[in-house]
């Protein structure tokens, strides 16, 4: 399953990221925030617009907003 399809408030572990589908500067920023393989994340909220962008995720004690295209590049395993 990809991060964009994870149900809200369910914890998951990122098991893979398709870094090649992301721009290098975006990948670098996500890694700097700790969003990488092995991280535990939860969907906190989804946007209210038609595309449901952005997606707010909780990672550790932070809440980070991701675009759906970024979340779609991340494979997760529900815990």
PDB file of N, CA and C in Angstrom:
ATOM      1  N   UNK A   1       0.860  -1.165   0.000  1.00  0.00           N
ATOM      2  CA  UNK A   1       0.000   0.000   0.000  1.00  0.00           C
ATOM      3  C   UNK A   1       0.906   1.227   0.000  1.00  0.00           C
ATOM      4  N   UNK A   2       0.430   2.307  -0.584  1.00  0.00           N
ATOM      5  CA  UNK A   2       1.205   3.550  -0.585  1.00  0.00           C
ATOM      6  C   UNK A   2       0.662   4.483   0.504  1.00  0.00           C
ATOM      7  N   UNK A   3       1.486   5.423   0.907  1.00  0.00           N
ATOM      8  CA  UNK A   3       1.132   6.309   2.011  1.00  0.00           C
ATOM      9  C   UNK A   3      -0.136   7.097   1.730  1.00  0.00           C
ATOM     10  N   UNK A   4      -0.384   7.458   0.481  1.00  0.00           N
ATOM     11  CA  UNK A   4      -1.588   8.244   0.166  1.00  0.00           C
ATOM     12  C   UNK A   4      -2.876   7.457   0.366  1.00  0.00           C
ATOM     13  N   UNK A   5      -2.802   6.119   0.443  1.00  0.00           N
ATOM     14  CA  UNK A   5      -4.012   5.307   0.638  1.00  0.00           C
ATOM     15  C   UNK A   5      -4.169   4.811   2.074  1.00  0.00           C
ATOM     16  N   UNK A   6      -3.228   5.147   2.936  1.00  0.00           N
ATOM     17  CA  UNK A   6      -3.310   4.737   4.343  1.00  0.00           C
ATOM     18  C   UNK A   6      -4.511   5.410   5.007  1.00  0.00           C
ATOM     19  N   UNK A   7      -5.338   4.648   5.712  1.00  0.00           N
ATOM     20  CA  UNK A   7      -6.474   5.271   6.411  1.00  0.00           C
ATOM     21  C   UNK A   7      -5.988   6.227   7.501  1.00  0.00           C
ATOM     22  N   UNK A   8      -6.770   7.257   7.791  1.00  0.00           N
ATOM     23  CA  UNK A   8      -6.378   8.215   8.834  1.00  0.00           C
ATOM     24  C   UNK A   8      -6.197   7.548  10.195  1.00  0.00           C
ATOM     25  N   UNK A   9      -5.259   8.080  10.955  1.00  0.00           N
ATOM     26  CA  UNK A   9      -4.981   7.684  12.337  1.00  0.00           C
ATOM     27  C   UNK A   9      -4.476   6.252  12.494  1.00  0.00           C
ATOM     28  N   UNK A  10      -4.038   5.626  11.424  1.00  0.00           N
ATOM     29  CA  UNK A  10      -3.433   4.291  11.495  1.00  0.00           C
ATOM     30  C   UNK A  10      -1.929   4.443  11.328  1.00  0.00           C
ATOM     31  N   UNK A  11      -1.182   3.838  12.231  1.00  0.00           N
ATOM     32  CA  UNK A  11       0.275   3.948  12.162  1.00  0.00           C
ATOM     33  C   UNK A  11       0.824   2.964  11.140  1.00  0.00           C
ATOM     34  N   UNK A  12       1.854   3.408  10.423  1.00  0.00           N
ATOM     35  CA  UNK A  12       2.494   2.564   9.422  1.00  0.00           C
ATOM     36  C   UNK A  12       3.987   2.843   9.415  1.00  0.00           C
ATOM     37  N   UNK A  13       4.719   1.887   8.868  1.00  0.00           N
ATOM     38  CA  UNK A  13       6.161   2.035   8.688  1.00  0.00           C
ATOM     39  C   UNK A  13       6.437   2.206   7.202  1.00  0.00           C
ATOM     40  N   UNK A  14       7.290   3.162   6.868  1.00  0.00           N
ATOM     41  CA  UNK A  14       7.686   3.339   5.479  1.00  0.00           C
ATOM     42  C   UNK A  14       8.675   2.228   5.145  1.00  0.00           C
ATOM     43  N   UNK A  15       8.335   1.400   4.168  1.00  0.00           N
ATOM     44  CA  UNK A  15       9.204   0.275   3.818  1.00  0.00           C
ATOM     45  C   UNK A  15       9.945   0.488   2.508  1.00  0.00           C
ATOM     46  N   UNK A  16       9.577   1.519   1.763  1.00  0.00           N
ATOM     47  CA  UNK A  16      10.266   1.814   0.517  1.00  0.00           C
ATOM     48  C   UNK A  16       9.829   3.150  -0.040  1.00  0.00           C
ATOM     49  N   UNK A  17      10.769   3.823  -0.697  1.00  0.00           N
ATOM     50  CA  UNK A  17      10.460   5.113  -1.328  1.00  0.00           C
ATOM     51  C   UNK A  17      11.027   5.091  -2.745  1.00  0.00           C
ATOM     52  N   UNK A  18      10.226   5.465  -3.709  1.00  0.00           N
ATOM     53  CA  UNK A  18      10.665   5.575  -5.100  1.00  0.00           C
ATOM     54  C   UNK A  18      11.301   6.951  -5.290  1.00  0.00           C
ATOM     55  N   UNK A  19      12.550   7.082  -4.834  1.00  0.00           N
ATOM     56  CA  UNK A  19      13.241   8.371  -4.879  1.00  0.00           C
ATOM     57  C   UNK A  19      13.394   8.889  -6.305  1.00  0.00           C
ATOM     58  N   UNK A  20      13.481   7.997  -7.278  1.00  0.00           N
ATOM     59  CA  UNK A  20      13.660   8.422  -8.668  1.00  0.00           C
ATOM     60  C   UNK A  20      12.443   9.173  -9.217  1.00  0.00           C
ATOM     61  N   UNK A  21      11.276   8.975  -8.620  1.00  0.00           N
ATOM     62  CA  UNK A  21      10.073   9.660  -9.093  1.00  0.00           C
ATOM     63  C   UNK A  21       9.964  11.076  -8.525  1.00  0.00           C
ATOM     64  N   UNK A  22      10.834  11.425  -7.592  1.00  0.00           N
ATOM     65  CA  UNK A  22      10.816  12.748  -6.962  1.00  0.00           C
ATOM     66  C   UNK A  22      11.985  13.584  -7.445  1.00  0.00           C
ATOM     67  N   UNK A  23      11.795  14.882  -7.480  1.00  0.00           N
ATOM     68  CA  UNK A  23      12.887  15.788  -7.832  1.00  0.00           C
ATOM     69  C   UNK A  23      13.970  15.684  -6.752  1.00  0.00           C
ATOM     70  N   UNK A  24      15.243  15.773  -7.122  1.00  0.00           N
ATOM     71  CA  UNK A  24      16.332  15.619  -6.141  1.00  0.00           C
ATOM     72  C   UNK A  24      16.223  16.543  -4.934  1.00  0.00           C
ATOM     73  N   UNK A  25      15.828  17.795  -5.137  1.00  0.00           N
ATOM     74  CA  UNK A  25      15.718  18.715  -3.996  1.00  0.00           C
ATOM     75  C   UNK A  25      14.554  18.353  -3.084  1.00  0.00           C
ATOM     76  N   UNK A  26      13.476  17.796  -3.667  1.00  0.00           N
ATOM     77  CA  UNK A  26      12.351  17.341  -2.847  1.00  0.00           C
ATOM     78  C   UNK A  26      12.745  16.114  -2.030  1.00  0.00           C
ATOM     79  N   UNK A  27      13.460  15.189  -2.642  1.00  0.00           N
ATOM     80  CA  UNK A  27      13.924  13.995  -1.941  1.00  0.00           C
ATOM     81  C   UNK A  27      14.853  14.375  -0.788  1.00  0.00           C
ATOM     82  N   UNK A  28      15.723  15.320  -1.026  1.00  0.00           N
ATOM     83  CA  UNK A  28      16.655  15.768   0.013  1.00  0.00           C
ATOM     84  C   UNK A  28      15.899  16.387   1.193  1.00  0.00           C
ATOM     85  N   UNK A  29      14.883  17.187   0.904  1.00  0.00           N
ATOM     86  CA  UNK A  29      14.086  17.817   1.959  1.00  0.00           C
ATOM     87  C   UNK A  29      13.327  16.773   2.778  1.00  0.00           C
ATOM     88  N   UNK A  30      12.744  15.783   2.101  1.00  0.00           N
ATOM     89  CA  UNK A  30      12.010  14.733   2.817  1.00  0.00           C
ATOM     90  C   UNK A  30      12.938  13.932   3.724  1.00  0.00           C
ATOM     91  N   UNK A  31      14.114  13.609   3.225  1.00  0.00           N
ATOM     92  CA  UNK A  31      15.086  12.875   4.055  1.00  0.00           C
ATOM     93  C   UNK A  31      15.514  13.713   5.253  1.00  0.00           C
ATOM     94  N   UNK A  32      15.700  15.009   5.056  1.00  0.00           N
ATOM     95  CA  UNK A  32      16.096  15.899   6.154  1.00  0.00           C
ATOM     96  C   UNK A  32      15.024  15.949   7.246  1.00  0.00           C
ATOM     97  N   UNK A  33      13.772  15.743   6.858  1.00  0.00           N
ATOM     98  CA  UNK A  33      12.676  15.717   7.830  1.00  0.00           C
ATOM     99  C   UNK A  33      12.517  14.345   8.489  1.00  0.00           C
ATOM    100  N   UNK A  34      13.318  13.373   8.080  1.00  0.00           N
ATOM    101  CA  UNK A  34      13.227  12.031   8.657  1.00  0.00           C
ATOM    102  C   UNK A  34      12.244  11.124   7.954  1.00  0.00           C
ATOM    103  N   UNK A  35      11.763  11.549   6.792  1.00  0.00           N
ATOM    104  CA  UNK A  35      10.806  10.748   6.031  1.00  0.00           C
ATOM    105  C   UNK A  35      11.611   9.856   5.097  1.00  0.00           C
ATOM    106  N   UNK A  36      11.836   8.625   5.549  1.00  0.00           N
ATOM    107  CA  UNK A  36      12.684   7.676   4.833  1.00  0.00           C
ATOM    108  C   UNK A  36      12.296   6.270   5.257  1.00  0.00           C
ATOM    109  N   UNK A  37      12.897   5.269   4.665  1.00  0.00           N
ATOM    110  CA  UNK A  37      12.615   3.890   5.028  1.00  0.00           C
ATOM    111  C   UNK A  37      12.837   3.691   6.526  1.00  0.00           C
ATOM    112  N   UNK A  38      11.894   2.974   7.159  1.00  0.00           N
ATOM    113  CA  UNK A  38      11.992   2.680   8.584  1.00  0.00           C
ATOM    114  C   UNK A  38      11.250   3.659   9.480  1.00  0.00           C
ATOM    115  N   UNK A  39      10.851   4.807   8.955  1.00  0.00           N
ATOM    116  CA  UNK A  39      10.138   5.807   9.754  1.00  0.00           C
ATOM    117  C   UNK A  39       8.700   5.358  10.001  1.00  0.00           C
ATOM    118  N   UNK A  40       8.192   5.663  11.181  1.00  0.00           N
ATOM    119  CA  UNK A  40       6.801   5.370  11.524  1.00  0.00           C
ATOM    120  C   UNK A  40       5.992   6.646  11.331  1.00  0.00           C
ATOM    121  N   UNK A  41       4.910   6.550  10.582  1.00  0.00           N
ATOM    122  CA  UNK A  41       4.092   7.709  10.238  1.00  0.00           C
ATOM    123  C   UNK A  41       2.617   7.406  10.458  1.00  0.00           C
ATOM    124  N   UNK A  42       1.837   8.470  10.606  1.00  0.00           N
ATOM    125  CA  UNK A  42       0.387   8.390  10.735  1.00  0.00           C
ATOM    126  C   UNK A  42      -0.220   9.504   9.896  1.00  0.00           C
ATOM    127  N   UNK A  43      -1.311   9.216   9.192  1.00  0.00           N
ATOM    128  CA  UNK A  43      -2.035  10.267   8.473  1.00  0.00           C
ATOM    129  C   UNK A  43      -2.837  11.037   9.510  1.00  0.00           C
ATOM    130  N   UNK A  44      -2.517  12.315   9.674  1.00  0.00           N
ATOM    131  CA  UNK A  44      -3.220  13.150  10.648  1.00  0.00           C
ATOM    132  C   UNK A  44      -4.460  13.787  10.028  1.00  0.00           C
ATOM    133  N   UNK A  45      -4.348  14.187   8.755  1.00  0.00           N
ATOM    134  CA  UNK A  45      -5.449  14.889   8.103  1.00  0.00           C
ATOM    135  C   UNK A  45      -5.213  14.919   6.604  1.00  0.00           C
ATOM    136  N   UNK A  46      -6.268  15.085   5.854  1.00  0.00           N
ATOM    137  CA  UNK A  46      -6.179  15.240   4.404  1.00  0.00           C
ATOM    138  C   UNK A  46      -6.765  16.594   4.027  1.00  0.00           C
ATOM    139  N   UNK A  47      -6.283  17.149   2.936  1.00  0.00           N
ATOM    140  CA  UNK A  47      -6.776  18.433   2.463  1.00  0.00           C
ATOM    141  C   UNK A  47      -8.244  18.369   2.097  1.00  0.00           C
ATOM    142  N   UNK A  48      -8.852  19.536   1.998  1.00  0.00           N
ATOM    143  CA  UNK A  48     -10.291  19.596   1.719  1.00  0.00           C
ATOM    144  C   UNK A  48     -10.609  19.840   0.253  1.00  0.00           C
ATOM    145  N   UNK A  49      -9.585  20.086  -0.555  1.00  0.00           N
ATOM    146  CA  UNK A  49      -9.824  20.378  -1.962  1.00  0.00           C
ATOM    147  C   UNK A  49     -10.019  19.101  -2.759  1.00  0.00           C
ATOM    148  N   UNK A  50     -10.401  19.219  -4.008  1.00  0.00           N
ATOM    149  CA  UNK A  50     -10.778  18.084  -4.851  1.00  0.00           C
ATOM    150  C   UNK A  50      -9.738  16.970  -4.875  1.00  0.00           C
ATOM    151  N   UNK A  51      -8.468  17.294  -4.958  1.00  0.00           N
ATOM    152  CA  UNK A  51      -7.425  16.282  -4.995  1.00  0.00           C
ATOM    153  C   UNK A  51      -7.013  15.763  -3.631  1.00  0.00           C
ATOM    154  N   UNK A  52      -7.655  16.287  -2.567  1.00  0.00           N
ATOM    155  CA  UNK A  52      -7.352  15.905  -1.180  1.00  0.00           C
ATOM    156  C   UNK A  52      -5.891  16.182  -0.845  1.00  0.00           C
ATOM    157  N   UNK A  53      -5.357  17.266  -1.412  1.00  0.00           N
ATOM    158  CA  UNK A  53      -3.995  17.710  -1.146  1.00  0.00           C
ATOM    159  C   UNK A  53      -4.049  18.904  -0.210  1.00  0.00           C
ATOM    160  N   UNK A  54      -3.097  19.104   0.650  1.00  0.00           N
ATOM    161  CA  UNK A  54      -2.010  18.204   0.995  1.00  0.00           C
ATOM    162  C   UNK A  54      -2.462  17.162   2.010  1.00  0.00           C
ATOM    163  N   UNK A  55      -1.568  16.239   2.281  1.00  0.00           N
ATOM    164  CA  UNK A  55      -1.791  15.217   3.304  1.00  0.00           C
ATOM    165  C   UNK A  55      -0.889  15.575   4.484  1.00  0.00           C
ATOM    166  N   UNK A  56      -1.470  15.708   5.663  1.00  0.00           N
ATOM    167  CA  UNK A  56      -0.686  15.991   6.868  1.00  0.00           C
ATOM    168  C   UNK A  56      -0.336  14.665   7.525  1.00  0.00           C
ATOM    169  N   UNK A  57       0.957  14.426   7.707  1.00  0.00           N
ATOM    170  CA  UNK A  57       1.390  13.198   8.375  1.00  0.00           C
ATOM    171  C   UNK A  57       2.088  13.555   9.671  1.00  0.00           C
ATOM    172  N   UNK A  58       1.983  12.657  10.632  1.00  0.00           N
ATOM    173  CA  UNK A  58       2.707  12.796  11.880  1.00  0.00           C
ATOM    174  C   UNK A  58       3.868  11.828  11.831  1.00  0.00           C
ATOM    175  N   UNK A  59       5.057  12.349  12.104  1.00  0.00           N
ATOM    176  CA  UNK A  59       6.268  11.541  12.162  1.00  0.00           C
ATOM    177  C   UNK A  59       7.002  11.977  13.420  1.00  0.00           C
ATOM    178  N   UNK A  60       7.090  11.082  14.378  1.00  0.00           N
ATOM    179  CA  UNK A  60       7.639  11.470  15.672  1.00  0.00           C
ATOM    180  C   UNK A  60       6.712  12.486  16.318  1.00  0.00           C
ATOM    181  N   UNK A  61       7.277  13.622  16.733  1.00  0.00           N
ATOM    182  CA  UNK A  61       6.464  14.680  17.337  1.00  0.00           C
ATOM    183  C   UNK A  61       6.139  15.792  16.348  1.00  0.00           C
ATOM    184  N   UNK A  62       6.482  15.606  15.068  1.00  0.00           N
ATOM    185  CA  UNK A  62       6.231  16.616  14.036  1.00  0.00           C
ATOM    186  C   UNK A  62       4.997  16.265  13.219  1.00  0.00           C
ATOM    187  N   UNK A  63       4.361  17.302  12.698  1.00  0.00           N
ATOM    188  CA  UNK A  63       3.329  17.132  11.689  1.00  0.00           C
ATOM    189  C   UNK A  63       3.845  17.835  10.438  1.00  0.00           C
ATOM    190  N   UNK A  64       3.866  17.094   9.329  1.00  0.00           N
ATOM    191  CA  UNK A  64       4.426  17.585   8.075  1.00  0.00           C
ATOM    192  C   UNK A  64       3.369  17.459   6.984  1.00  0.00           C
ATOM    193  N   UNK A  65       3.262  18.482   6.146  1.00  0.00           N
ATOM    194  CA  UNK A  65       2.333  18.436   5.012  1.00  0.00           C
ATOM    195  C   UNK A  65       3.074  17.929   3.781  1.00  0.00           C
ATOM    196  N   UNK A  66       2.499  16.921   3.145  1.00  0.00           N
ATOM    197  CA  UNK A  66       3.066  16.336   1.918  1.00  0.00           C
ATOM    198  C   UNK A  66       2.072  16.475   0.780  1.00  0.00           C
ATOM    199  N   UNK A  67       2.587  16.652  -0.408  1.00  0.00           N
ATOM    200  CA  UNK A  67       1.723  16.562  -1.579  1.00  0.00           C
ATOM    201  C   UNK A  67       1.421  15.093  -1.832  1.00  0.00           C
ATOM    202  N   UNK A  68       0.281  14.850  -2.422  1.00  0.00           N
ATOM    203  CA  UNK A  68      -0.146  13.474  -2.705  1.00  0.00           C
ATOM    204  C   UNK A  68       0.878  12.739  -3.573  1.00  0.00           C
ATOM    205  N   UNK A  69       1.505  13.429  -4.513  1.00  0.00           N
ATOM    206  CA  UNK A  69       2.488  12.786  -5.389  1.00  0.00           C
ATOM    207  C   UNK A  69       3.673  12.258  -4.568  1.00  0.00           C
ATOM    208  N   UNK A  70       4.040  12.956  -3.503  1.00  0.00           N
ATOM    209  CA  UNK A  70       5.125  12.474  -2.633  1.00  0.00           C
ATOM    210  C   UNK A  70       4.665  11.251  -1.845  1.00  0.00           C
ATOM    211  N   UNK A  71       3.456  11.325  -1.296  1.00  0.00           N
ATOM    212  CA  UNK A  71       2.931  10.204  -0.519  1.00  0.00           C
ATOM    213  C   UNK A  71       2.741   8.960  -1.385  1.00  0.00           C
ATOM    214  N   UNK A  72       2.407   9.165  -2.647  1.00  0.00           N
ATOM    215  CA  UNK A  72       2.199   8.046  -3.561  1.00  0.00           C
ATOM    216  C   UNK A  72       3.513   7.315  -3.871  1.00  0.00           C
ATOM    217  N   UNK A  73       4.634   7.992  -3.698  1.00  0.00           N
ATOM    218  CA  UNK A  73       5.945   7.387  -3.963  1.00  0.00           C
ATOM    219  C   UNK A  73       6.449   6.545  -2.786  1.00  0.00           C
ATOM    220  N   UNK A  74       5.696   6.507  -1.682  1.00  0.00           N
ATOM    221  CA  UNK A  74       6.139   5.809  -0.471  1.00  0.00           C
ATOM    222  C   UNK A  74       5.300   4.570  -0.201  1.00  0.00           C
ATOM    223  N   UNK A  75       5.973   3.430  -0.147  1.00  0.00           N
ATOM    224  CA  UNK A  75       5.334   2.173   0.200  1.00  0.00           C
ATOM    225  C   UNK A  75       5.331   2.048   1.715  1.00  0.00           C
ATOM    226  N   UNK A  76       4.189   1.672   2.304  1.00  0.00           N
ATOM    227  CA  UNK A  76       4.086   1.544   3.753  1.00  0.00           C
ATOM    228  C   UNK A  76       3.500   0.190   4.131  1.00  0.00           C
ATOM    229  N   UNK A  77       3.788  -0.190   5.366  1.00  0.00           N
ATOM    230  CA  UNK A  77       3.214  -1.404   5.956  1.00  0.00           C
ATOM    231  C   UNK A  77       2.504  -0.977   7.233  1.00  0.00           C
ATOM    232  N   UNK A  78       1.222  -1.250   7.297  1.00  0.00           N
ATOM    233  CA  UNK A  78       0.444  -0.854   8.477  1.00  0.00           C
ATOM    234  C   UNK A  78       0.897  -1.657   9.690  1.00  0.00           C
ATOM    235  N   UNK A  79       0.994  -0.957  10.824  1.00  0.00           N
ATOM    236  CA  UNK A  79       1.441  -1.605  12.065  1.00  0.00           C
ATOM    237  C   UNK A  79       0.265  -1.960  12.939  1.00  0.00           C
TER     238      UNK A  79
END
